[in-house]
């Protein structure tokens, strides 16, 4: 599974793509909330359904993104530890620190630099 191209690309790209999708959903929610202010001010007798209606879905998707980011972090730490090119010097420590502190972006950079670039170099050598 660690050397499968699909899972490598999925764990590198999915956290960033889903983050942008969530941000678009959040901005759409804020825009719809701000555009309905006059209607919200008129109805004082009920609970704030507009705000609470999507809260459960938002929290569920946020929980999935957290799990996906954690799975991506674990996947790429295991991949970096098993990468023989990183054992020569302190690159392994550098990549692991990059994964931890720059989570989604670190995995994307590792995927581009250490996996995709090395795959292209191996294809050129043959």
PDB file of N, CA and C in Angstrom:
ATOM      1  N   UNK A   1       0.824  -1.194   0.000  1.00  0.00           N
ATOM      2  CA  UNK A   1       0.000   0.000   0.000  1.00  0.00           C
ATOM      3  C   UNK A   1       0.868   1.259   0.000  1.00  0.00           C
ATOM      4  N   UNK A   2       2.013   1.193   0.634  1.00  0.00           N
ATOM      5  CA  UNK A   2       2.856   2.388   0.717  1.00  0.00           C
ATOM      6  C   UNK A   2       3.455   2.742  -0.635  1.00  0.00           C
ATOM      7  N   UNK A   3       3.678   1.768  -1.485  1.00  0.00           N
ATOM      8  CA  UNK A   3       4.278   2.038  -2.787  1.00  0.00           C
ATOM      9  C   UNK A   3       3.243   2.116  -3.905  1.00  0.00           C
ATOM     10  N   UNK A   4       1.983   2.134  -3.557  1.00  0.00           N
ATOM     11  CA  UNK A   4       0.909   2.259  -4.535  1.00  0.00           C
ATOM     12  C   UNK A   4       0.776   3.721  -4.942  1.00  0.00           C
ATOM     13  N   UNK A   5       0.798   3.993  -6.245  1.00  0.00           N
ATOM     14  CA  UNK A   5       0.742   5.373  -6.740  1.00  0.00           C
ATOM     15  C   UNK A   5      -0.562   6.059  -6.364  1.00  0.00           C
ATOM     16  N   UNK A   6      -1.658   5.317  -6.379  1.00  0.00           N
ATOM     17  CA  UNK A   6      -2.954   5.917  -6.055  1.00  0.00           C
ATOM     18  C   UNK A   6      -2.980   6.436  -4.624  1.00  0.00           C
ATOM     19  N   UNK A   7      -2.556   5.598  -3.672  1.00  0.00           N
ATOM     20  CA  UNK A   7      -2.600   6.008  -2.267  1.00  0.00           C
ATOM     21  C   UNK A   7      -1.607   7.121  -1.977  1.00  0.00           C
ATOM     22  N   UNK A   8      -0.471   7.106  -2.641  1.00  0.00           N
ATOM     23  CA  UNK A   8       0.485   8.193  -2.458  1.00  0.00           C
ATOM     24  C   UNK A   8      -0.112   9.521  -2.906  1.00  0.00           C
ATOM     25  N   UNK A   9      -0.733   9.521  -4.071  1.00  0.00           N
ATOM     26  CA  UNK A   9      -1.352  10.756  -4.570  1.00  0.00           C
ATOM     27  C   UNK A   9      -2.559  11.142  -3.728  1.00  0.00           C
ATOM     28  N   UNK A  10      -3.341  10.154  -3.319  1.00  0.00           N
ATOM     29  CA  UNK A  10      -4.532  10.442  -2.517  1.00  0.00           C
ATOM     30  C   UNK A  10      -4.164  11.108  -1.199  1.00  0.00           C
ATOM     31  N   UNK A  11      -3.205  10.528  -0.477  1.00  0.00           N
ATOM     32  CA  UNK A  11      -2.837  11.085   0.822  1.00  0.00           C
ATOM     33  C   UNK A  11      -2.067  12.397   0.694  1.00  0.00           C
ATOM     34  N   UNK A  12      -1.504  12.686  -0.469  1.00  0.00           N
ATOM     35  CA  UNK A  12      -0.827  13.968  -0.662  1.00  0.00           C
ATOM     36  C   UNK A  12      -1.811  15.067  -1.032  1.00  0.00           C
ATOM     37  N   UNK A  13      -2.798  14.744  -1.860  1.00  0.00           N
ATOM     38  CA  UNK A  13      -3.686  15.774  -2.398  1.00  0.00           C
ATOM     39  C   UNK A  13      -5.002  15.925  -1.647  1.00  0.00           C
ATOM     40  N   UNK A  14      -5.528  14.853  -1.100  1.00  0.00           N
ATOM     41  CA  UNK A  14      -6.867  14.897  -0.496  1.00  0.00           C
ATOM     42  C   UNK A  14      -6.997  15.879   0.665  1.00  0.00           C
ATOM     43  N   UNK A  15      -6.059  15.943   1.614  1.00  0.00           N
ATOM     44  CA  UNK A  15      -6.255  16.909   2.706  1.00  0.00           C
ATOM     45  C   UNK A  15      -6.324  18.356   2.231  1.00  0.00           C
ATOM     46  N   UNK A  16      -5.526  18.707   1.242  1.00  0.00           N
ATOM     47  CA  UNK A  16      -5.532  20.085   0.749  1.00  0.00           C
ATOM     48  C   UNK A  16      -6.800  20.366  -0.041  1.00  0.00           C
ATOM     49  N   UNK A  17      -7.213  19.435  -0.887  1.00  0.00           N
ATOM     50  CA  UNK A  17      -8.430  19.635  -1.680  1.00  0.00           C
ATOM     51  C   UNK A  17      -9.649  19.727  -0.779  1.00  0.00           C
ATOM     52  N   UNK A  18      -9.750  18.850   0.192  1.00  0.00           N
ATOM     53  CA  UNK A  18     -10.903  18.881   1.095  1.00  0.00           C
ATOM     54  C   UNK A  18     -10.886  20.139   1.952  1.00  0.00           C
ATOM     55  N   UNK A  19      -9.704  20.619   2.330  1.00  0.00           N
ATOM     56  CA  UNK A  19      -9.625  21.874   3.076  1.00  0.00           C
ATOM     57  C   UNK A  19     -10.219  23.022   2.264  1.00  0.00           C
ATOM     58  N   UNK A  20      -9.874  23.102   0.976  1.00  0.00           N
ATOM     59  CA  UNK A  20     -10.423  24.171   0.146  1.00  0.00           C
ATOM     60  C   UNK A  20     -11.922  24.005  -0.070  1.00  0.00           C
ATOM     61  N   UNK A  21     -12.398  22.775  -0.174  1.00  0.00           N
ATOM     62  CA  UNK A  21     -13.842  22.550  -0.305  1.00  0.00           C
ATOM     63  C   UNK A  21     -14.562  22.987   0.964  1.00  0.00           C
ATOM     64  N   UNK A  22     -13.997  22.682   2.116  1.00  0.00           N
ATOM     65  CA  UNK A  22     -14.612  23.109   3.379  1.00  0.00           C
ATOM     66  C   UNK A  22     -14.610  24.630   3.487  1.00  0.00           C
ATOM     67  N   UNK A  23     -13.529  25.258   3.063  1.00  0.00           N
ATOM     68  CA  UNK A  23     -13.488  26.721   3.122  1.00  0.00           C
ATOM     69  C   UNK A  23     -14.532  27.330   2.193  1.00  0.00           C
ATOM     70  N   UNK A  24     -14.731  26.750   1.015  1.00  0.00           N
ATOM     71  CA  UNK A  24     -15.789  27.233   0.119  1.00  0.00           C
ATOM     72  C   UNK A  24     -17.159  27.057   0.755  1.00  0.00           C
ATOM     73  N   UNK A  25     -17.394  25.917   1.386  1.00  0.00           N
ATOM     74  CA  UNK A  25     -18.661  25.701   2.081  1.00  0.00           C
ATOM     75  C   UNK A  25     -18.859  26.664   3.228  1.00  0.00           C
ATOM     76  N   UNK A  26     -17.795  26.951   3.953  1.00  0.00           N
ATOM     77  CA  UNK A  26     -17.875  27.896   5.068  1.00  0.00           C
ATOM     78  C   UNK A  26     -18.216  29.295   4.563  1.00  0.00           C
ATOM     79  N   UNK A  27     -17.553  29.731   3.489  1.00  0.00           N
ATOM     80  CA  UNK A  27     -17.847  31.059   2.949  1.00  0.00           C
ATOM     81  C   UNK A  27     -19.251  31.120   2.361  1.00  0.00           C
ATOM     82  N   UNK A  28     -19.727  30.031   1.752  1.00  0.00           N
ATOM     83  CA  UNK A  28     -21.109  30.000   1.259  1.00  0.00           C
ATOM     84  C   UNK A  28     -22.085  30.095   2.423  1.00  0.00           C
ATOM     85  N   UNK A  29     -21.780  29.422   3.529  1.00  0.00           N
ATOM     86  CA  UNK A  29     -22.628  29.495   4.720  1.00  0.00           C
ATOM     87  C   UNK A  29     -22.670  30.915   5.274  1.00  0.00           C
ATOM     88  N   UNK A  30     -21.519  31.553   5.382  1.00  0.00           N
ATOM     89  CA  UNK A  30     -21.465  32.923   5.897  1.00  0.00           C
ATOM     90  C   UNK A  30     -22.201  33.872   4.957  1.00  0.00           C
ATOM     91  N   UNK A  31     -22.030  33.693   3.651  1.00  0.00           N
ATOM     92  CA  UNK A  31     -22.722  34.547   2.686  1.00  0.00           C
ATOM     93  C   UNK A  31     -24.232  34.367   2.784  1.00  0.00           C
ATOM     94  N   UNK A  32     -24.697  33.117   2.894  1.00  0.00           N
ATOM     95  CA  UNK A  32     -26.140  32.894   3.017  1.00  0.00           C
ATOM     96  C   UNK A  32     -26.670  33.434   4.334  1.00  0.00           C
ATOM     97  N   UNK A  33     -25.877  33.360   5.377  1.00  0.00           N
ATOM     98  CA  UNK A  33     -26.281  33.902   6.672  1.00  0.00           C
ATOM     99  C   UNK A  33     -26.374  35.424   6.615  1.00  0.00           C
ATOM    100  N   UNK A  34     -25.388  36.053   6.006  1.00  0.00           N
ATOM    101  CA  UNK A  34     -25.400  37.511   5.913  1.00  0.00           C
ATOM    102  C   UNK A  34     -26.475  38.022   4.961  1.00  0.00           C
ATOM    103  N   UNK A  35     -26.798  37.260   3.938  1.00  0.00           N
ATOM    104  CA  UNK A  35     -27.839  37.705   3.009  1.00  0.00           C
ATOM    105  C   UNK A  35     -29.236  37.524   3.585  1.00  0.00           C
ATOM    106  N   UNK A  36     -29.391  36.727   4.629  1.00  0.00           N
ATOM    107  CA  UNK A  36     -30.701  36.500   5.249  1.00  0.00           C
ATOM    108  C   UNK A  36     -30.861  37.237   6.574  1.00  0.00           C
ATOM    109  N   UNK A  37     -30.067  38.248   6.824  1.00  0.00           N
ATOM    110  CA  UNK A  37     -30.147  38.969   8.102  1.00  0.00           C
ATOM    111  C   UNK A  37     -31.524  39.588   8.329  1.00  0.00           C
ATOM    112  N   UNK A  38     -32.140  40.255   7.345  1.00  0.00           N
ATOM    113  CA  UNK A  38     -33.477  40.821   7.615  1.00  0.00           C
ATOM    114  C   UNK A  38     -34.508  39.758   7.995  1.00  0.00           C
ATOM    115  N   UNK A  39     -34.474  38.612   7.343  1.00  0.00           N
ATOM    116  CA  UNK A  39     -35.410  37.538   7.675  1.00  0.00           C
ATOM    117  C   UNK A  39     -35.117  36.959   9.061  1.00  0.00           C
ATOM    118  N   UNK A  40     -33.857  36.876   9.412  1.00  0.00           N
ATOM    119  CA  UNK A  40     -33.494  36.351  10.729  1.00  0.00           C
ATOM    120  C   UNK A  40     -33.884  37.313  11.848  1.00  0.00           C
ATOM    121  N   UNK A  41     -33.834  38.604  11.570  1.00  0.00           N
ATOM    122  CA  UNK A  41     -34.205  39.584  12.592  1.00  0.00           C
ATOM    123  C   UNK A  41     -35.708  39.615  12.832  1.00  0.00           C
ATOM    124  N   UNK A  42     -36.502  39.286  11.816  1.00  0.00           N
ATOM    125  CA  UNK A  42     -37.963  39.306  11.962  1.00  0.00           C
ATOM    126  C   UNK A  42     -38.482  38.133  12.783  1.00  0.00           C
ATOM    127  N   UNK A  43     -37.860  37.002  12.705  1.00  0.00           N
ATOM    128  CA  UNK A  43     -38.367  35.817  13.408  1.00  0.00           C
ATOM    129  C   UNK A  43     -37.603  35.615  14.711  1.00  0.00           C
ATOM    130  N   UNK A  44     -38.178  36.104  15.811  1.00  0.00           N
ATOM    131  CA  UNK A  44     -37.532  35.986  17.116  1.00  0.00           C
ATOM    132  C   UNK A  44     -38.095  34.844  17.950  1.00  0.00           C
ATOM    133  N   UNK A  45     -39.200  34.254  17.544  1.00  0.00           N
ATOM    134  CA  UNK A  45     -39.849  33.273  18.404  1.00  0.00           C
ATOM    135  C   UNK A  45     -39.253  31.872  18.307  1.00  0.00           C
ATOM    136  N   UNK A  46     -38.493  31.546  17.288  1.00  0.00           N
ATOM    137  CA  UNK A  46     -37.955  30.196  17.140  1.00  0.00           C
ATOM    138  C   UNK A  46     -36.458  30.146  17.393  1.00  0.00           C
ATOM    139  N   UNK A  47     -35.921  28.927  17.452  1.00  0.00           N
ATOM    140  CA  UNK A  47     -34.469  28.794  17.615  1.00  0.00           C
ATOM    141  C   UNK A  47     -33.755  29.177  16.314  1.00  0.00           C
ATOM    142  N   UNK A  48     -32.504  29.471  16.381  1.00  0.00           N
ATOM    143  CA  UNK A  48     -31.770  29.882  15.175  1.00  0.00           C
ATOM    144  C   UNK A  48     -31.450  28.680  14.281  1.00  0.00           C
ATOM    145  N   UNK A  49     -32.454  28.268  13.505  1.00  0.00           N
ATOM    146  CA  UNK A  49     -32.290  27.077  12.660  1.00  0.00           C
ATOM    147  C   UNK A  49     -31.236  27.258  11.588  1.00  0.00           C
ATOM    148  N   UNK A  50     -31.101  28.464  11.077  1.00  0.00           N
ATOM    149  CA  UNK A  50     -30.156  28.667   9.984  1.00  0.00           C
ATOM    150  C   UNK A  50     -28.733  28.371  10.444  1.00  0.00           C
ATOM    151  N   UNK A  51     -28.417  28.800  11.631  1.00  0.00           N
ATOM    152  CA  UNK A  51     -27.057  28.588  12.132  1.00  0.00           C
ATOM    153  C   UNK A  51     -26.851  27.130  12.537  1.00  0.00           C
ATOM    154  N   UNK A  52     -27.839  26.545  13.186  1.00  0.00           N
ATOM    155  CA  UNK A  52     -27.667  25.195  13.715  1.00  0.00           C
ATOM    156  C   UNK A  52     -27.993  24.090  12.714  1.00  0.00           C
ATOM    157  N   UNK A  53     -28.620  24.433  11.587  1.00  0.00           N
ATOM    158  CA  UNK A  53     -29.056  23.382  10.666  1.00  0.00           C
ATOM    159  C   UNK A  53     -27.879  22.639  10.033  1.00  0.00           C
ATOM    160  N   UNK A  54     -26.800  23.336   9.698  1.00  0.00           N
ATOM    161  CA  UNK A  54     -25.668  22.704   9.033  1.00  0.00           C
ATOM    162  C   UNK A  54     -24.516  22.407   9.984  1.00  0.00           C
ATOM    163  N   UNK A  55     -24.707  22.666  11.262  1.00  0.00           N
ATOM    164  CA  UNK A  55     -23.621  22.477  12.216  1.00  0.00           C
ATOM    165  C   UNK A  55     -23.212  21.006  12.342  1.00  0.00           C
ATOM    166  N   UNK A  56     -24.179  20.102  12.370  1.00  0.00           N
ATOM    167  CA  UNK A  56     -23.864  18.677  12.476  1.00  0.00           C
ATOM    168  C   UNK A  56     -23.097  18.165  11.275  1.00  0.00           C
ATOM    169  N   UNK A  57     -23.517  18.576  10.086  1.00  0.00           N
ATOM    170  CA  UNK A  57     -22.823  18.154   8.866  1.00  0.00           C
ATOM    171  C   UNK A  57     -21.414  18.734   8.836  1.00  0.00           C
ATOM    172  N   UNK A  58     -21.300  20.004   9.210  1.00  0.00           N
ATOM    173  CA  UNK A  58     -19.988  20.652   9.226  1.00  0.00           C
ATOM    174  C   UNK A  58     -19.044  19.949  10.199  1.00  0.00           C
ATOM    175  N   UNK A  59     -19.519  19.617  11.379  1.00  0.00           N
ATOM    176  CA  UNK A  59     -18.670  18.942  12.357  1.00  0.00           C
ATOM    177  C   UNK A  59     -18.292  17.535  11.901  1.00  0.00           C
ATOM    178  N   UNK A  60     -19.222  16.831  11.240  1.00  0.00           N
ATOM    179  CA  UNK A  60     -18.925  15.500  10.715  1.00  0.00           C
ATOM    180  C   UNK A  60     -17.842  15.571   9.642  1.00  0.00           C
ATOM    181  N   UNK A  61     -17.970  16.510   8.720  1.00  0.00           N
ATOM    182  CA  UNK A  61     -16.969  16.661   7.661  1.00  0.00           C
ATOM    183  C   UNK A  61     -15.634  17.099   8.253  1.00  0.00           C
ATOM    184  N   UNK A  62     -15.672  17.973   9.242  1.00  0.00           N
ATOM    185  CA  UNK A  62     -14.446  18.401   9.902  1.00  0.00           C
ATOM    186  C   UNK A  62     -13.757  17.217  10.590  1.00  0.00           C
ATOM    187  N   UNK A  63     -14.530  16.347  11.225  1.00  0.00           N
ATOM    188  CA  UNK A  63     -13.977  15.147  11.850  1.00  0.00           C
ATOM    189  C   UNK A  63     -13.336  14.238  10.800  1.00  0.00           C
ATOM    190  N   UNK A  64     -13.977  14.093   9.639  1.00  0.00           N
ATOM    191  CA  UNK A  64     -13.396  13.281   8.565  1.00  0.00           C
ATOM    192  C   UNK A  64     -12.092  13.878   8.049  1.00  0.00           C
ATOM    193  N   UNK A  65     -12.043  15.196   7.938  1.00  0.00           N
ATOM    194  CA  UNK A  65     -10.815  15.845   7.477  1.00  0.00           C
ATOM    195  C   UNK A  65      -9.693  15.650   8.490  1.00  0.00           C
ATOM    196  N   UNK A  66     -10.010  15.722   9.761  1.00  0.00           N
ATOM    197  CA  UNK A  66      -8.994  15.492  10.792  1.00  0.00           C
ATOM    198  C   UNK A  66      -8.474  14.059  10.703  1.00  0.00           C
ATOM    199  N   UNK A  67      -9.375  13.092  10.532  1.00  0.00           N
ATOM    200  CA  UNK A  67      -8.940  11.695  10.387  1.00  0.00           C
ATOM    201  C   UNK A  67      -8.099  11.497   9.128  1.00  0.00           C
ATOM    202  N   UNK A  68      -8.511  12.121   8.027  1.00  0.00           N
ATOM    203  CA  UNK A  68      -7.763  12.004   6.779  1.00  0.00           C
ATOM    204  C   UNK A  68      -6.382  12.639   6.907  1.00  0.00           C
ATOM    205  N   UNK A  69      -6.293  13.771   7.561  1.00  0.00           N
ATOM    206  CA  UNK A  69      -4.996  14.421   7.755  1.00  0.00           C
ATOM    207  C   UNK A  69      -4.089  13.587   8.652  1.00  0.00           C
ATOM    208  N   UNK A  70      -4.653  12.999   9.686  1.00  0.00           N
ATOM    209  CA  UNK A  70      -3.869  12.133  10.567  1.00  0.00           C
ATOM    210  C   UNK A  70      -3.396  10.882   9.821  1.00  0.00           C
ATOM    211  N   UNK A  71      -4.274  10.294   9.009  1.00  0.00           N
ATOM    212  CA  UNK A  71      -3.887   9.126   8.212  1.00  0.00           C
ATOM    213  C   UNK A  71      -2.795   9.500   7.210  1.00  0.00           C
ATOM    214  N   UNK A  72      -2.906  10.677   6.614  1.00  0.00           N
ATOM    215  CA  UNK A  72      -1.883  11.141   5.679  1.00  0.00           C
ATOM    216  C   UNK A  72      -0.551  11.348   6.383  1.00  0.00           C
ATOM    217  N   UNK A  73      -0.596  11.911   7.578  1.00  0.00           N
ATOM    218  CA  UNK A  73       0.625  12.118   8.356  1.00  0.00           C
ATOM    219  C   UNK A  73       1.301  10.785   8.668  1.00  0.00           C
ATOM    220  N   UNK A  74       0.535   9.820   9.130  1.00  0.00           N
ATOM    221  CA  UNK A  74       1.087   8.501   9.460  1.00  0.00           C
ATOM    222  C   UNK A  74       1.613   7.806   8.207  1.00  0.00           C
ATOM    223  N   UNK A  75       0.852   7.877   7.117  1.00  0.00           N
ATOM    224  CA  UNK A  75       1.256   7.245   5.859  1.00  0.00           C
ATOM    225  C   UNK A  75       2.604   7.780   5.388  1.00  0.00           C
ATOM    226  N   UNK A  76       2.750   9.101   5.392  1.00  0.00           N
ATOM    227  CA  UNK A  76       3.989   9.674   4.871  1.00  0.00           C
ATOM    228  C   UNK A  76       5.152   9.564   5.846  1.00  0.00           C
ATOM    229  N   UNK A  77       4.915   9.507   7.130  1.00  0.00           N
ATOM    230  CA  UNK A  77       6.015   9.243   8.069  1.00  0.00           C
ATOM    231  C   UNK A  77       6.537   7.823   7.864  1.00  0.00           C
ATOM    232  N   UNK A  78       5.629   6.860   7.710  1.00  0.00           N
ATOM    233  CA  UNK A  78       6.047   5.474   7.458  1.00  0.00           C
ATOM    234  C   UNK A  78       6.780   5.380   6.124  1.00  0.00           C
ATOM    235  N   UNK A  79       6.293   6.094   5.110  1.00  0.00           N
ATOM    236  CA  UNK A  79       6.948   6.072   3.803  1.00  0.00           C
ATOM    237  C   UNK A  79       8.351   6.669   3.888  1.00  0.00           C
ATOM    238  N   UNK A  80       8.493   7.770   4.620  1.00  0.00           N
ATOM    239  CA  UNK A  80       9.807   8.405   4.746  1.00  0.00           C
ATOM    240  C   UNK A  80      10.781   7.518   5.515  1.00  0.00           C
ATOM    241  N   UNK A  81      10.298   6.839   6.546  1.00  0.00           N
ATOM    242  CA  UNK A  81      11.173   5.952   7.322  1.00  0.00           C
ATOM    243  C   UNK A  81      11.643   4.784   6.457  1.00  0.00           C
ATOM    244  N   UNK A  82      10.801   4.303   5.562  1.00  0.00           N
ATOM    245  CA  UNK A  82      11.173   3.181   4.700  1.00  0.00           C
ATOM    246  C   UNK A  82      11.933   3.611   3.446  1.00  0.00           C
ATOM    247  N   UNK A  83      12.074   4.899   3.217  1.00  0.00           N
ATOM    248  CA  UNK A  83      12.759   5.401   2.027  1.00  0.00           C
ATOM    249  C   UNK A  83      14.274   5.292   2.225  1.00  0.00           C
ATOM    250  N   UNK A  84      14.961   4.471   1.421  1.00  0.00           N
ATOM    251  CA  UNK A  84      16.410   4.299   1.615  1.00  0.00           C
ATOM    252  C   UNK A  84      17.215   5.539   1.228  1.00  0.00           C
ATOM    253  N   UNK A  85      16.673   6.422   0.412  1.00  0.00           N
ATOM    254  CA  UNK A  85      17.397   7.631   0.010  1.00  0.00           C
ATOM    255  C   UNK A  85      17.555   8.625   1.156  1.00  0.00           C
ATOM    256  N   UNK A  86      16.729   8.528   2.173  1.00  0.00           N
ATOM    257  CA  UNK A  86      16.762   9.492   3.269  1.00  0.00           C
ATOM    258  C   UNK A  86      17.637   9.039   4.427  1.00  0.00           C
ATOM    259  N   UNK A  87      18.186   7.850   4.364  1.00  0.00           N
ATOM    260  CA  UNK A  87      18.976   7.322   5.480  1.00  0.00           C
ATOM    261  C   UNK A  87      20.418   7.816   5.456  1.00  0.00           C
ATOM    262  N   UNK A  88      20.849   8.419   4.362  1.00  0.00           N
ATOM    263  CA  UNK A  88      22.240   8.844   4.228  1.00  0.00           C
ATOM    264  C   UNK A  88      22.574  10.025   5.135  1.00  0.00           C
ATOM    265  N   UNK A  89      21.667  10.939   5.280  1.00  0.00           N
ATOM    266  CA  UNK A  89      21.946  12.146   6.060  1.00  0.00           C
ATOM    267  C   UNK A  89      20.725  12.492   6.912  1.00  0.00           C
ATOM    268  N   UNK A  90      20.610  13.720   7.316  1.00  0.00           N
ATOM    269  CA  UNK A  90      19.531  14.118   8.216  1.00  0.00           C
ATOM    270  C   UNK A  90      18.229  14.460   7.491  1.00  0.00           C
ATOM    271  N   UNK A  91      18.082  14.044   6.272  1.00  0.00           N
ATOM    272  CA  UNK A  91      16.859  14.354   5.533  1.00  0.00           C
ATOM    273  C   UNK A  91      15.627  13.698   6.143  1.00  0.00           C
ATOM    274  N   UNK A  92      15.792  12.536   6.729  1.00  0.00           N
ATOM    275  CA  UNK A  92      14.651  11.856   7.347  1.00  0.00           C
ATOM    276  C   UNK A  92      14.074  12.702   8.478  1.00  0.00           C
ATOM    277  N   UNK A  93      14.924  13.202   9.327  1.00  0.00           N
ATOM    278  CA  UNK A  93      14.470  14.066  10.422  1.00  0.00           C
ATOM    279  C   UNK A  93      13.837  15.348   9.884  1.00  0.00           C
ATOM    280  N   UNK A  94      14.431  15.904   8.862  1.00  0.00           N
ATOM    281  CA  UNK A  94      13.887  17.121   8.254  1.00  0.00           C
ATOM    282  C   UNK A  94      12.494  16.881   7.687  1.00  0.00           C
ATOM    283  N   UNK A  95      12.306  15.776   6.970  1.00  0.00           N
ATOM    284  CA  UNK A  95      10.991  15.491   6.394  1.00  0.00           C
ATOM    285  C   UNK A  95       9.952  15.230   7.474  1.00  0.00           C
ATOM    286  N   UNK A  96      10.312  14.504   8.508  1.00  0.00           N
ATOM    287  CA  UNK A  96       9.348  14.222   9.579  1.00  0.00           C
ATOM    288  C   UNK A  96       8.945  15.509  10.287  1.00  0.00           C
ATOM    289  N   UNK A  97       9.900  16.388  10.544  1.00  0.00           N
ATOM    290  CA  UNK A  97       9.560  17.683  11.147  1.00  0.00           C
ATOM    291  C   UNK A  97       8.684  18.514  10.215  1.00  0.00           C
ATOM    292  N   UNK A  98       8.957  18.438   8.931  1.00  0.00           N
ATOM    293  CA  UNK A  98       8.124  19.149   7.956  1.00  0.00           C
ATOM    294  C   UNK A  98       6.709  18.580   7.938  1.00  0.00           C
ATOM    295  N   UNK A  99       6.572  17.266   8.021  1.00  0.00           N
ATOM    296  CA  UNK A  99       5.238  16.651   8.073  1.00  0.00           C
ATOM    297  C   UNK A  99       4.460  17.125   9.290  1.00  0.00           C
ATOM    298  N   UNK A 100       5.136  17.181  10.426  1.00  0.00           N
ATOM    299  CA  UNK A 100       4.447  17.513  11.674  1.00  0.00           C
ATOM    300  C   UNK A 100       4.064  18.988  11.721  1.00  0.00           C
ATOM    301  N   UNK A 101       4.974  19.867  11.331  1.00  0.00           N
ATOM    302  CA  UNK A 101       4.719  21.291  11.508  1.00  0.00           C
ATOM    303  C   UNK A 101       4.012  21.952  10.327  1.00  0.00           C
ATOM    304  N   UNK A 102       4.115  21.385   9.136  1.00  0.00           N
ATOM    305  CA  UNK A 102       3.454  21.947   7.960  1.00  0.00           C
ATOM    306  C   UNK A 102       2.621  20.827   7.339  1.00  0.00           C
ATOM    307  N   UNK A 103       1.669  20.353   8.060  1.00  0.00           N
ATOM    308  CA  UNK A 103       1.000  19.083   7.829  1.00  0.00           C
ATOM    309  C   UNK A 103       0.633  18.802   6.372  1.00  0.00           C
ATOM    310  N   UNK A 104      -0.416  19.341   5.842  1.00  0.00           N
ATOM    311  CA  UNK A 104      -0.863  18.988   4.498  1.00  0.00           C
ATOM    312  C   UNK A 104       0.111  19.402   3.423  1.00  0.00           C
ATOM    313  N   UNK A 105       0.718  20.549   3.587  1.00  0.00           N
ATOM    314  CA  UNK A 105       1.672  21.044   2.602  1.00  0.00           C
ATOM    315  C   UNK A 105       2.960  20.227   2.618  1.00  0.00           C
ATOM    316  N   UNK A 106       3.367  19.762   3.774  1.00  0.00           N
ATOM    317  CA  UNK A 106       4.575  18.947   3.881  1.00  0.00           C
ATOM    318  C   UNK A 106       4.454  17.637   3.120  1.00  0.00           C
ATOM    319  N   UNK A 107       3.299  16.988   3.228  1.00  0.00           N
ATOM    320  CA  UNK A 107       3.087  15.741   2.502  1.00  0.00           C
ATOM    321  C   UNK A 107       3.072  15.981   0.988  1.00  0.00           C
ATOM    322  N   UNK A 108       2.469  17.079   0.568  1.00  0.00           N
ATOM    323  CA  UNK A 108       2.430  17.397  -0.863  1.00  0.00           C
ATOM    324  C   UNK A 108       3.838  17.647  -1.398  1.00  0.00           C
ATOM    325  N   UNK A 109       4.637  18.396  -0.666  1.00  0.00           N
ATOM    326  CA  UNK A 109       6.013  18.669  -1.095  1.00  0.00           C
ATOM    327  C   UNK A 109       6.830  17.381  -1.132  1.00  0.00           C
ATOM    328  N   UNK A 110       6.681  16.526  -0.125  1.00  0.00           N
ATOM    329  CA  UNK A 110       7.397  15.243  -0.110  1.00  0.00           C
ATOM    330  C   UNK A 110       6.981  14.385  -1.301  1.00  0.00           C
ATOM    331  N   UNK A 111       5.696  14.345  -1.577  1.00  0.00           N
ATOM    332  CA  UNK A 111       5.204  13.548  -2.701  1.00  0.00           C
ATOM    333  C   UNK A 111       5.803  14.046  -4.010  1.00  0.00           C
ATOM    334  N   UNK A 112       5.866  15.364  -4.181  1.00  0.00           N
ATOM    335  CA  UNK A 112       6.409  15.914  -5.422  1.00  0.00           C
ATOM    336  C   UNK A 112       7.924  15.728  -5.523  1.00  0.00           C
ATOM    337  N   UNK A 113       8.641  15.950  -4.426  1.00  0.00           N
ATOM    338  CA  UNK A 113      10.105  15.935  -4.469  1.00  0.00           C
ATOM    339  C   UNK A 113      10.672  14.524  -4.381  1.00  0.00           C
ATOM    340  N   UNK A 114      10.175  13.728  -3.470  1.00  0.00           N
ATOM    341  CA  UNK A 114      10.788  12.426  -3.203  1.00  0.00           C
ATOM    342  C   UNK A 114      10.135  11.267  -3.944  1.00  0.00           C
ATOM    343  N   UNK A 115       8.894  11.412  -4.357  1.00  0.00           N
ATOM    344  CA  UNK A 115       8.219  10.274  -4.995  1.00  0.00           C
ATOM    345  C   UNK A 115       8.074  10.504  -6.492  1.00  0.00           C
ATOM    346  N   UNK A 116       7.420  11.587  -6.877  1.00  0.00           N
ATOM    347  CA  UNK A 116       7.175  11.831  -8.302  1.00  0.00           C
ATOM    348  C   UNK A 116       8.483  12.120  -9.030  1.00  0.00           C
ATOM    349  N   UNK A 117       9.341  12.949  -8.462  1.00  0.00           N
ATOM    350  CA  UNK A 117      10.606  13.277  -9.119  1.00  0.00           C
ATOM    351  C   UNK A 117      11.508  12.054  -9.224  1.00  0.00           C
ATOM    352  N   UNK A 118      11.562  11.232  -8.199  1.00  0.00           N
ATOM    353  CA  UNK A 118      12.405  10.027  -8.238  1.00  0.00           C
ATOM    354  C   UNK A 118      11.840   8.992  -9.208  1.00  0.00           C
ATOM    355  N   UNK A 119      10.512   8.958  -9.322  1.00  0.00           N
ATOM    356  CA  UNK A 119       9.884   8.044 -10.271  1.00  0.00           C
ATOM    357  C   UNK A 119      10.262   8.447 -11.692  1.00  0.00           C
ATOM    358  N   UNK A 120      10.264   9.752 -11.966  1.00  0.00           N
ATOM    359  CA  UNK A 120      10.647  10.233 -13.290  1.00  0.00           C
ATOM    360  C   UNK A 120      12.129   9.997 -13.559  1.00  0.00           C
ATOM    361  N   UNK A 121      12.981  10.149 -12.542  1.00  0.00           N
ATOM    362  CA  UNK A 121      14.405   9.871 -12.705  1.00  0.00           C
ATOM    363  C   UNK A 121      14.644   8.396 -12.998  1.00  0.00           C
ATOM    364  N   UNK A 122      13.912   7.518 -12.337  1.00  0.00           N
ATOM    365  CA  UNK A 122      14.061   6.078 -12.574  1.00  0.00           C
ATOM    366  C   UNK A 122      13.607   5.717 -13.982  1.00  0.00           C
ATOM    367  N   UNK A 123      12.584   6.389 -14.479  1.00  0.00           N
ATOM    368  CA  UNK A 123      12.111   6.114 -15.834  1.00  0.00           C
ATOM    369  C   UNK A 123      13.119   6.600 -16.868  1.00  0.00           C
ATOM    370  N   UNK A 124      13.816   7.697 -16.593  1.00  0.00           N
ATOM    371  CA  UNK A 124      14.815   8.209 -17.524  1.00  0.00           C
ATOM    372  C   UNK A 124      16.054   7.330 -17.570  1.00  0.00           C
ATOM    373  N   UNK A 125      16.415   6.711 -16.457  1.00  0.00           N
ATOM    374  CA  UNK A 125      17.605   5.864 -16.403  1.00  0.00           C
ATOM    375  C   UNK A 125      17.422   4.566 -17.172  1.00  0.00           C
ATOM    376  N   UNK A 126      16.212   4.092 -17.312  1.00  0.00           N
ATOM    377  CA  UNK A 126      15.975   2.807 -17.986  1.00  0.00           C
ATOM    378  C   UNK A 126      15.948   2.985 -19.443  1.00  0.00           C
TER     379      UNK A 126
END
